[in-house]
Amino acid sequence: MTLLAYPFIRAENKKYPYIGTICSGIFLGAALYFVSLQLNRWYSESHHSTLNSTLTLESIENNVQIWRLPPNLAENVGTDKIYVSDRISGFNNKLQPQQNYNIEIKQGFFQDYFIDSASLKNIRAIAE
């Protein structure tokens, strides 16, 4: 962004065009980075596929549910546990620890995984 901003700032005949260019480049670069991350997230979440997985609710600590992922999904995600806070709109406080639940997990376009609030509201226990 600094290279793109320099010709415009120099054309205005400012006293310190390099300093203005660096400041503008930092601001514009940060703004462009933020916008690109949001567009990436929106595009990935709008072009997803749904996976039904069996997750185990390990425990509930300080209004946070700790879920254990199955080994095949944990390998793809890069972690074996996920944490769901009660501040999330789909939080379900009626679930019992140490039980298996069928949960819809969304796989985004860029191979990222997420659980939307509708999936959390529709959690079903698996009969053992």
Protein backbone atom coordinates (compact mmCIF):
# COMPACT_ATOMS: atom_id res chain seq x y z
CA MET A 1 0.00 0.00 0.00
CA THR A 2 2.94 2.29 0.60
CA LEU A 3 4.07 1.97 -3.01
CA LEU A 4 0.58 2.72 -4.26
CA ALA A 5 0.13 5.74 -2.00
CA TYR A 6 3.48 7.41 -2.76
CA PRO A 7 2.67 8.84 -6.24
CA PHE A 8 -0.52 10.47 -4.95
CA ILE A 9 1.13 11.99 -1.90
CA ARG A 10 4.15 13.19 -3.87
CA ALA A 11 1.89 14.83 -6.48
CA GLU A 12 0.40 17.01 -3.73
CA ASN A 13 3.87 18.50 -3.07
CA LYS A 14 3.74 17.83 0.66
CA LYS A 15 6.76 18.76 2.75
CA TYR A 16 7.52 15.21 3.96
CA PRO A 17 6.10 12.81 1.36
CA TYR A 18 8.00 9.76 2.68
CA ILE A 19 6.61 10.09 6.21
CA GLY A 20 3.10 10.66 4.88
CA THR A 21 3.45 7.69 2.59
CA ILE A 22 4.62 5.39 5.37
CA CYS A 23 1.78 6.47 7.68
CA SER A 24 -0.80 6.10 4.91
CA GLY A 25 0.63 2.73 3.89
CA ILE A 26 0.42 1.39 7.42
CA PHE A 27 -3.18 2.55 7.84
CA LEU A 28 -4.34 1.40 4.39
CA GLY A 29 -2.50 -1.93 4.71
CA ALA A 30 -4.13 -2.69 8.06
CA ALA A 31 -7.56 -1.73 6.74
CA LEU A 32 -7.13 -3.84 3.61
CA TYR A 33 -5.92 -6.80 5.68
CA PHE A 34 -8.97 -6.58 7.97
CA VAL A 35 -11.37 -6.35 5.03
CA SER A 36 -9.71 -9.27 3.23
CA LEU A 37 -9.98 -11.47 6.36
CA GLN A 38 -13.69 -10.67 6.70
CA LEU A 39 -14.35 -11.38 3.03
CA ASN A 40 -12.41 -14.63 3.31
CA ARG A 41 -14.49 -15.71 6.31
CA TRP A 42 -17.78 -14.75 4.65
CA TYR A 43 -16.91 -16.57 1.43
CA SER A 44 -15.69 -19.67 3.24
CA GLU A 45 -18.77 -19.88 5.45
CA SER A 46 -21.20 -19.32 2.59
CA HIS A 47 -19.60 -22.13 0.52
CA HIS A 48 -19.53 -24.91 3.10
CA SER A 49 -20.36 -28.58 3.31
CA THR A 50 -21.99 -30.19 6.34
CA LEU A 51 -20.42 -33.05 8.27
CA ASN A 52 -22.31 -34.97 10.94
CA SER A 53 -19.94 -35.95 13.73
CA THR A 54 -20.18 -37.58 17.10
CA LEU A 55 -18.58 -35.38 19.75
CA THR A 56 -18.25 -36.15 23.45
CA LEU A 57 -19.02 -33.47 26.01
CA GLU A 58 -16.11 -33.94 28.43
CA SER A 59 -17.03 -31.37 31.03
CA ILE A 60 -18.58 -28.00 31.77
CA GLU A 61 -16.26 -25.60 33.60
CA ASN A 62 -16.99 -21.94 34.33
CA ASN A 63 -19.88 -21.85 31.83
CA VAL A 64 -17.67 -23.31 29.09
CA GLN A 65 -18.35 -26.67 27.49
CA ILE A 66 -15.30 -28.75 26.59
CA TRP A 67 -15.95 -31.06 23.64
CA ARG A 68 -13.69 -33.91 22.49
CA LEU A 69 -13.50 -34.41 18.75
CA PRO A 70 -13.28 -37.85 17.13
CA PRO A 71 -9.72 -38.76 16.02
CA ASN A 72 -10.35 -38.39 12.27
CA LEU A 73 -11.81 -34.90 12.70
CA ALA A 74 -9.19 -33.89 15.28
CA GLU A 75 -6.48 -34.70 12.75
CA ASN A 76 -8.05 -32.37 10.17
CA VAL A 77 -8.81 -29.56 12.62
CA GLY A 78 -5.45 -29.69 14.39
CA THR A 79 -6.81 -30.01 17.93
CA ASP A 80 -8.69 -32.69 19.83
CA LYS A 81 -10.90 -30.34 21.90
CA ILE A 82 -13.11 -27.36 21.24
CA TYR A 83 -14.48 -24.94 23.80
CA VAL A 84 -17.98 -23.45 23.60
CA SER A 85 -18.73 -20.49 25.85
CA ASP A 86 -22.15 -19.61 27.24
CA ARG A 87 -21.85 -16.24 25.47
CA ILE A 88 -22.43 -17.95 22.12
CA SER A 89 -26.05 -17.59 20.98
CA GLY A 90 -26.58 -21.33 20.48
CA PHE A 91 -25.24 -22.43 23.87
CA ASN A 92 -27.29 -25.31 25.29
CA ASN A 93 -26.95 -25.67 29.07
CA LYS A 94 -29.13 -28.79 29.30
CA LEU A 95 -26.45 -31.17 28.02
CA GLN A 96 -24.89 -33.81 30.25
CA PRO A 97 -21.11 -34.33 30.51
CA GLN A 98 -19.58 -37.65 29.41
CA GLN A 99 -22.29 -38.24 26.81
CA ASN A 100 -21.97 -38.46 23.03
CA TYR A 101 -23.88 -36.01 20.87
CA ASN A 102 -24.47 -35.82 17.15
CA ILE A 103 -23.41 -32.35 15.97
CA GLU A 104 -23.36 -30.79 12.51
CA ILE A 105 -19.93 -29.37 11.77
CA LYS A 106 -19.47 -27.13 8.75
CA GLN A 107 -16.38 -27.44 6.58
CA GLY A 108 -15.65 -24.16 4.85
CA PHE A 109 -14.44 -23.62 1.32
CA PHE A 110 -10.86 -23.12 2.51
CA GLN A 111 -10.80 -26.33 4.60
CA ASP A 112 -11.67 -24.56 7.85
CA TYR A 113 -14.20 -25.96 10.31
CA PHE A 114 -16.87 -24.19 12.33
CA ILE A 115 -20.09 -24.82 14.23
CA ASP A 116 -22.88 -22.32 13.69
CA SER A 117 -25.41 -21.42 16.39
CA ALA A 118 -28.24 -23.35 14.68
CA SER A 119 -26.16 -26.53 14.91
CA LEU A 120 -25.60 -25.94 18.62
CA LYS A 121 -29.32 -25.48 19.27
CA ASN A 122 -30.18 -28.76 17.53
CA ILE A 123 -27.74 -31.04 19.36
CA ARG A 124 -29.10 -34.55 19.88
CA ALA A 125 -27.79 -37.14 22.34
CA ILE A 126 -26.87 -40.50 20.91
CA ALA A 127 -28.56 -43.45 22.60
CA GLU A 128 -25.94 -45.85 23.90
